Amino acid sequence: MTDMEGIVHVFQAFADPTRLRLLNLLRHEKELCVCDLSAALSEEQPKVSRHLAILRQANLVSVRNEGRWKFYELARKTPKLQRRLLRSLDAVNPLETEDTFGNDQQRMAGLVLRLRCR
């Protein structure tokens, strides 16, 4: 993959509302399983898994397997472009913009994390 193709993949990863929502949740939690992310977004697990795969390809998230469960977190070693774009999400204040990020975070706070995963 050329540098230009890599840049395109990164911007494509940020160009989808569901992926932005996933990144926002992962910024506020250390590690989350797919079932928690699905519940917080009120989306089906296969859809969330597809979006997480795209984020992995763009070096934005990493995955840890535990038995049949997959746990995701923001990638610890990310290239400079990805780090800067992730920091740009800090400028989004859910109280001043649409309620999507805030609603996701409220649903996440209401979940008993990983209860379904164990």
N, C-alpha and C. Protein backbone atom coordinates (compact mmCIF):
# COMPACT_ATOMS: atom_id res chain seq x y z
N MET A 1 0.85 -1.17 0.00
CA MET A 1 0.00 0.00 0.00
C MET A 1 0.90 1.24 0.00
N THR A 2 0.59 2.18 -0.87
CA THR A 2 1.37 3.41 -0.92
C THR A 2 0.97 4.34 0.23
N ASP A 3 1.79 5.34 0.46
CA ASP A 3 1.46 6.33 1.50
C ASP A 3 0.12 6.99 1.21
N MET A 4 -0.12 7.31 -0.07
CA MET A 4 -1.37 7.97 -0.44
C MET A 4 -2.56 7.05 -0.16
N GLU A 5 -2.43 5.77 -0.47
CA GLU A 5 -3.52 4.83 -0.19
C GLU A 5 -3.78 4.73 1.31
N GLY A 6 -2.71 4.75 2.10
CA GLY A 6 -2.87 4.71 3.55
C GLY A 6 -3.61 5.93 4.07
N ILE A 7 -3.29 7.09 3.53
CA ILE A 7 -3.98 8.32 3.94
C ILE A 7 -5.45 8.25 3.57
N VAL A 8 -5.74 7.74 2.38
CA VAL A 8 -7.13 7.60 1.95
C VAL A 8 -7.89 6.68 2.91
N HIS A 9 -7.28 5.55 3.31
CA HIS A 9 -7.93 4.63 4.26
C HIS A 9 -8.25 5.32 5.58
N VAL A 10 -7.33 6.14 6.05
CA VAL A 10 -7.56 6.83 7.32
C VAL A 10 -8.74 7.79 7.20
N PHE A 11 -8.76 8.58 6.14
CA PHE A 11 -9.87 9.52 5.99
C PHE A 11 -11.19 8.81 5.73
N GLN A 12 -11.16 7.69 5.04
CA GLN A 12 -12.38 6.91 4.86
C GLN A 12 -12.88 6.39 6.20
N ALA A 13 -11.97 6.00 7.07
CA ALA A 13 -12.38 5.51 8.39
C ALA A 13 -13.08 6.60 9.19
N PHE A 14 -12.63 7.83 9.05
CA PHE A 14 -13.24 8.95 9.77
C PHE A 14 -14.49 9.48 9.08
N ALA A 15 -14.78 9.02 7.87
CA ALA A 15 -15.87 9.59 7.07
C ALA A 15 -17.22 8.94 7.32
N ASP A 16 -17.33 8.11 8.34
CA ASP A 16 -18.58 7.41 8.60
C ASP A 16 -19.07 7.73 10.01
N PRO A 17 -20.34 8.09 10.17
CA PRO A 17 -20.85 8.44 11.50
C PRO A 17 -20.74 7.30 12.52
N THR A 18 -20.99 6.07 12.11
CA THR A 18 -20.89 4.95 13.05
C THR A 18 -19.46 4.79 13.55
N ARG A 19 -18.50 4.92 12.66
CA ARG A 19 -17.10 4.78 13.08
C ARG A 19 -16.68 5.92 13.99
N LEU A 20 -17.17 7.13 13.73
CA LEU A 20 -16.88 8.24 14.64
C LEU A 20 -17.46 7.97 16.02
N ARG A 21 -18.65 7.42 16.06
CA ARG A 21 -19.29 7.09 17.34
C ARG A 21 -18.47 6.04 18.09
N LEU A 22 -17.99 5.03 17.36
CA LEU A 22 -17.15 3.99 17.99
C LEU A 22 -15.87 4.59 18.55
N LEU A 23 -15.22 5.43 17.77
CA LEU A 23 -13.99 6.07 18.24
C LEU A 23 -14.24 6.91 19.47
N ASN A 24 -15.35 7.63 19.47
CA ASN A 24 -15.67 8.47 20.62
C ASN A 24 -15.86 7.62 21.88
N LEU A 25 -16.58 6.51 21.77
CA LEU A 25 -16.76 5.64 22.94
C LEU A 25 -15.43 5.06 23.41
N LEU A 26 -14.61 4.63 22.48
CA LEU A 26 -13.33 4.04 22.86
C LEU A 26 -12.38 5.07 23.46
N ARG A 27 -12.57 6.33 23.15
CA ARG A 27 -11.73 7.37 23.76
C ARG A 27 -12.05 7.52 25.25
N HIS A 28 -13.27 7.17 25.64
CA HIS A 28 -13.69 7.37 27.02
C HIS A 28 -13.63 6.09 27.86
N GLU A 29 -13.39 4.96 27.24
CA GLU A 29 -13.31 3.69 27.96
C GLU A 29 -11.97 3.04 27.62
N LYS A 30 -11.43 2.30 28.54
CA LYS A 30 -10.14 1.65 28.29
C LYS A 30 -10.25 0.58 27.22
N GLU A 31 -11.22 -0.29 27.36
CA GLU A 31 -11.37 -1.42 26.45
C GLU A 31 -12.83 -1.86 26.49
N LEU A 32 -13.37 -2.17 25.32
CA LEU A 32 -14.78 -2.58 25.24
C LEU A 32 -14.94 -3.76 24.31
N CYS A 33 -15.85 -4.66 24.66
CA CYS A 33 -16.15 -5.78 23.77
C CYS A 33 -17.18 -5.34 22.74
N VAL A 34 -17.30 -6.12 21.70
CA VAL A 34 -18.22 -5.78 20.62
C VAL A 34 -19.65 -5.70 21.13
N CYS A 35 -20.03 -6.58 22.05
CA CYS A 35 -21.42 -6.55 22.53
C CYS A 35 -21.71 -5.26 23.28
N ASP A 36 -20.76 -4.74 24.05
CA ASP A 36 -20.96 -3.46 24.74
C ASP A 36 -21.08 -2.32 23.73
N LEU A 37 -20.21 -2.33 22.73
CA LEU A 37 -20.26 -1.28 21.71
C LEU A 37 -21.57 -1.34 20.94
N SER A 38 -22.02 -2.54 20.61
CA SER A 38 -23.30 -2.70 19.90
C SER A 38 -24.45 -2.16 20.72
N ALA A 39 -24.45 -2.47 22.01
CA ALA A 39 -25.53 -2.00 22.88
C ALA A 39 -25.50 -0.49 23.02
N ALA A 40 -24.33 0.08 23.19
CA ALA A 40 -24.22 1.53 23.36
C ALA A 40 -24.66 2.29 22.12
N LEU A 41 -24.39 1.72 20.93
CA LEU A 41 -24.78 2.38 19.69
C LEU A 41 -26.17 1.99 19.22
N SER A 42 -26.78 1.01 19.89
CA SER A 42 -28.07 0.46 19.45
C SER A 42 -27.99 -0.01 18.00
N GLU A 43 -26.91 -0.72 17.70
CA GLU A 43 -26.67 -1.27 16.36
C GLU A 43 -26.42 -2.77 16.47
N GLU A 44 -26.66 -3.48 15.39
CA GLU A 44 -26.44 -4.92 15.36
C GLU A 44 -24.94 -5.23 15.41
N GLN A 45 -24.60 -6.33 16.07
CA GLN A 45 -23.20 -6.71 16.25
C GLN A 45 -22.45 -6.89 14.93
N PRO A 46 -23.02 -7.52 13.89
CA PRO A 46 -22.26 -7.66 12.64
C PRO A 46 -21.88 -6.31 12.02
N LYS A 47 -22.79 -5.35 12.10
CA LYS A 47 -22.50 -4.01 11.57
C LYS A 47 -21.35 -3.37 12.34
N VAL A 48 -21.41 -3.45 13.66
CA VAL A 48 -20.36 -2.88 14.50
C VAL A 48 -19.03 -3.57 14.21
N SER A 49 -19.03 -4.88 14.06
CA SER A 49 -17.80 -5.62 13.76
C SER A 49 -17.20 -5.18 12.43
N ARG A 50 -18.03 -4.97 11.43
CA ARG A 50 -17.52 -4.50 10.13
C ARG A 50 -16.85 -3.14 10.27
N HIS A 51 -17.47 -2.25 11.02
CA HIS A 51 -16.88 -0.92 11.20
C HIS A 51 -15.59 -0.98 12.01
N LEU A 52 -15.54 -1.85 13.00
CA LEU A 52 -14.32 -2.01 13.78
C LEU A 52 -13.18 -2.56 12.92
N ALA A 53 -13.50 -3.43 11.98
CA ALA A 53 -12.48 -3.96 11.07
C ALA A 53 -11.87 -2.84 10.23
N ILE A 54 -12.69 -1.92 9.79
CA ILE A 54 -12.20 -0.78 9.00
C ILE A 54 -11.31 0.10 9.87
N LEU A 55 -11.70 0.31 11.12
CA LEU A 55 -10.88 1.12 12.03
C LEU A 55 -9.55 0.43 12.33
N ARG A 56 -9.56 -0.89 12.39
CA ARG A 56 -8.30 -1.64 12.58
C ARG A 56 -7.39 -1.47 11.38
N GLN A 57 -7.96 -1.57 10.19
CA GLN A 57 -7.16 -1.42 8.97
C GLN A 57 -6.52 -0.03 8.88
N ALA A 58 -7.18 0.95 9.47
CA ALA A 58 -6.65 2.32 9.46
C ALA A 58 -5.74 2.59 10.65
N ASN A 59 -5.39 1.55 11.41
CA ASN A 59 -4.51 1.66 12.58
C ASN A 59 -5.06 2.60 13.65
N LEU A 60 -6.37 2.59 13.81
CA LEU A 60 -7.00 3.43 14.82
C LEU A 60 -7.39 2.66 16.07
N VAL A 61 -7.70 1.38 15.93
CA VAL A 61 -8.04 0.55 17.08
C VAL A 61 -7.24 -0.75 17.02
N SER A 62 -7.10 -1.35 18.17
CA SER A 62 -6.47 -2.67 18.25
C SER A 62 -7.45 -3.61 18.94
N VAL A 63 -7.22 -4.90 18.74
CA VAL A 63 -8.14 -5.90 19.28
C VAL A 63 -7.35 -6.91 20.11
N ARG A 64 -8.01 -7.38 21.16
CA ARG A 64 -7.45 -8.44 22.00
C ARG A 64 -8.50 -9.54 22.08
N ASN A 65 -8.08 -10.75 21.76
CA ASN A 65 -8.99 -11.89 21.83
C ASN A 65 -8.92 -12.53 23.21
N GLU A 66 -10.09 -12.88 23.71
CA GLU A 66 -10.19 -13.61 24.97
C GLU A 66 -11.25 -14.68 24.76
N GLY A 67 -10.78 -15.89 24.49
CA GLY A 67 -11.73 -16.95 24.13
C GLY A 67 -12.42 -16.57 22.83
N ARG A 68 -13.74 -16.60 22.85
CA ARG A 68 -14.46 -16.23 21.63
C ARG A 68 -14.83 -14.76 21.58
N TRP A 69 -14.42 -13.99 22.57
CA TRP A 69 -14.75 -12.57 22.65
C TRP A 69 -13.60 -11.72 22.12
N LYS A 70 -13.96 -10.59 21.54
CA LYS A 70 -12.97 -9.62 21.06
C LYS A 70 -13.17 -8.32 21.80
N PHE A 71 -12.07 -7.80 22.32
CA PHE A 71 -12.09 -6.55 23.06
C PHE A 71 -11.28 -5.50 22.30
N TYR A 72 -11.86 -4.34 22.13
CA TYR A 72 -11.25 -3.28 21.34
C TYR A 72 -10.84 -2.11 22.21
N GLU A 73 -9.77 -1.45 21.78
CA GLU A 73 -9.32 -0.22 22.41
C GLU A 73 -8.68 0.64 21.32
N LEU A 74 -8.49 1.92 21.63
CA LEU A 74 -7.76 2.76 20.70
C LEU A 74 -6.35 2.21 20.58
N ALA A 75 -5.82 2.22 19.38
CA ALA A 75 -4.47 1.72 19.16
C ALA A 75 -3.48 2.56 19.95
N ARG A 76 -2.54 1.91 20.59
CA ARG A 76 -1.56 2.63 21.41
C ARG A 76 -0.48 3.26 20.57
N LYS A 77 -0.09 2.58 19.51
CA LYS A 77 0.95 3.12 18.63
C LYS A 77 0.28 3.48 17.31
N THR A 78 -0.02 4.75 17.16
CA THR A 78 -0.66 5.20 15.93
C THR A 78 0.23 6.21 15.24
N PRO A 79 0.20 6.21 13.91
CA PRO A 79 0.94 7.23 13.18
C PRO A 79 0.42 8.64 13.51
N LYS A 80 1.23 9.63 13.20
CA LYS A 80 0.92 11.01 13.56
C LYS A 80 -0.43 11.47 13.02
N LEU A 81 -0.75 11.14 11.78
CA LEU A 81 -2.03 11.58 11.19
C LEU A 81 -3.20 11.06 12.02
N GLN A 82 -3.19 9.78 12.36
CA GLN A 82 -4.28 9.20 13.15
C GLN A 82 -4.37 9.86 14.52
N ARG A 83 -3.24 10.10 15.18
CA ARG A 83 -3.26 10.75 16.49
C ARG A 83 -3.89 12.14 16.41
N ARG A 84 -3.53 12.89 15.39
CA ARG A 84 -4.08 14.24 15.24
C ARG A 84 -5.58 14.21 14.97
N LEU A 85 -6.00 13.29 14.13
CA LEU A 85 -7.44 13.20 13.84
C LEU A 85 -8.22 12.76 15.07
N LEU A 86 -7.67 11.83 15.84
CA LEU A 86 -8.35 11.41 17.08
C LEU A 86 -8.46 12.58 18.06
N ARG A 87 -7.41 13.38 18.16
CA ARG A 87 -7.47 14.55 19.04
C ARG A 87 -8.52 15.54 18.58
N SER A 88 -8.78 15.58 17.28
CA SER A 88 -9.79 16.52 16.78
C SER A 88 -11.18 16.18 17.31
N LEU A 89 -11.40 14.94 17.72
CA LEU A 89 -12.69 14.58 18.30
C LEU A 89 -12.92 15.29 19.64
N ASP A 90 -11.85 15.74 20.28
CA ASP A 90 -11.99 16.48 21.53
C ASP A 90 -12.76 17.78 21.32
N ALA A 91 -12.72 18.31 20.10
CA ALA A 91 -13.40 19.57 19.81
C ALA A 91 -14.91 19.39 19.74
N VAL A 92 -15.36 18.14 19.64
CA VAL A 92 -16.80 17.87 19.55
C VAL A 92 -17.36 17.81 20.96
N ASN A 93 -18.22 18.75 21.26
CA ASN A 93 -18.87 18.79 22.57
C ASN A 93 -20.31 18.34 22.38
N PRO A 94 -20.68 17.16 22.90
CA PRO A 94 -22.03 16.65 22.66
C PRO A 94 -23.12 17.56 23.21
N LEU A 95 -22.79 18.42 24.16
CA LEU A 95 -23.80 19.33 24.69
C LEU A 95 -24.06 20.49 23.74
N GLU A 96 -23.10 20.80 22.87
CA GLU A 96 -23.25 21.91 21.95
C GLU A 96 -23.62 21.47 20.54
N THR A 97 -23.45 20.21 20.24
CA THR A 97 -23.76 19.70 18.91
C THR A 97 -24.92 18.74 19.01
N GLU A 98 -25.09 17.92 17.99
CA GLU A 98 -26.17 16.94 18.07
C GLU A 98 -25.94 16.00 19.24
N ASP A 99 -26.97 15.35 19.67
CA ASP A 99 -26.91 14.55 20.89
C ASP A 99 -26.36 13.14 20.68
N THR A 100 -25.94 12.78 19.49
CA THR A 100 -25.54 11.40 19.21
C THR A 100 -24.44 10.92 20.15
N PHE A 101 -23.33 11.64 20.24
CA PHE A 101 -22.22 11.22 21.11
C PHE A 101 -22.69 11.14 22.56
N GLY A 102 -23.42 12.14 23.00
CA GLY A 102 -23.90 12.15 24.38
C GLY A 102 -24.84 11.01 24.68
N ASN A 103 -25.74 10.70 23.73
CA ASN A 103 -26.66 9.57 23.91
C ASN A 103 -25.90 8.26 23.99
N ASP A 104 -24.89 8.10 23.13
CA ASP A 104 -24.07 6.88 23.17
C ASP A 104 -23.40 6.73 24.52
N GLN A 105 -22.85 7.81 25.03
CA GLN A 105 -22.15 7.75 26.31
C GLN A 105 -23.12 7.47 27.46
N GLN A 106 -24.33 8.00 27.38
CA GLN A 106 -25.32 7.71 28.41
C GLN A 106 -25.71 6.24 28.40
N ARG A 107 -25.92 5.69 27.19
CA ARG A 107 -26.25 4.26 27.10
C ARG A 107 -25.10 3.42 27.64
N MET A 108 -23.87 3.82 27.31
CA MET A 108 -22.70 3.08 27.79
C MET A 108 -22.64 3.12 29.31
N ALA A 109 -22.89 4.27 29.89
CA ALA A 109 -22.86 4.40 31.35
C ALA A 109 -23.92 3.52 32.00
N GLY A 110 -25.02 3.28 31.30
CA GLY A 110 -26.10 2.47 31.86
C GLY A 110 -25.90 0.98 31.71
N LEU A 111 -24.91 0.58 30.95
CA LEU A 111 -24.66 -0.85 30.75
C LEU A 111 -23.87 -1.43 31.91
N VAL A 112 -24.14 -2.66 32.19
CA VAL A 112 -23.26 -3.41 33.09
C VAL A 112 -22.22 -4.02 32.16
N LEU A 113 -21.08 -3.35 32.06
CA LEU A 113 -20.08 -3.69 31.06
C LEU A 113 -19.64 -5.14 31.14
N ARG A 114 -19.61 -5.76 29.99
CA ARG A 114 -19.12 -7.12 29.78
C ARG A 114 -19.95 -8.19 30.47
N LEU A 115 -21.08 -7.83 31.01
CA LEU A 115 -21.91 -8.84 31.68
C LEU A 115 -22.29 -9.94 30.70
N ARG A 116 -22.64 -9.56 29.47
CA ARG A 116 -23.03 -10.55 28.46
C ARG A 116 -21.84 -11.31 27.92
N CYS A 117 -20.64 -10.77 28.10
CA CYS A 117 -19.45 -11.38 27.50
C CYS A 117 -18.82 -12.45 28.37
N ARG A 118 -19.22 -12.58 29.56
CA ARG A 118 -18.57 -13.53 30.46
C ARG A 118 -19.40 -14.78 30.60
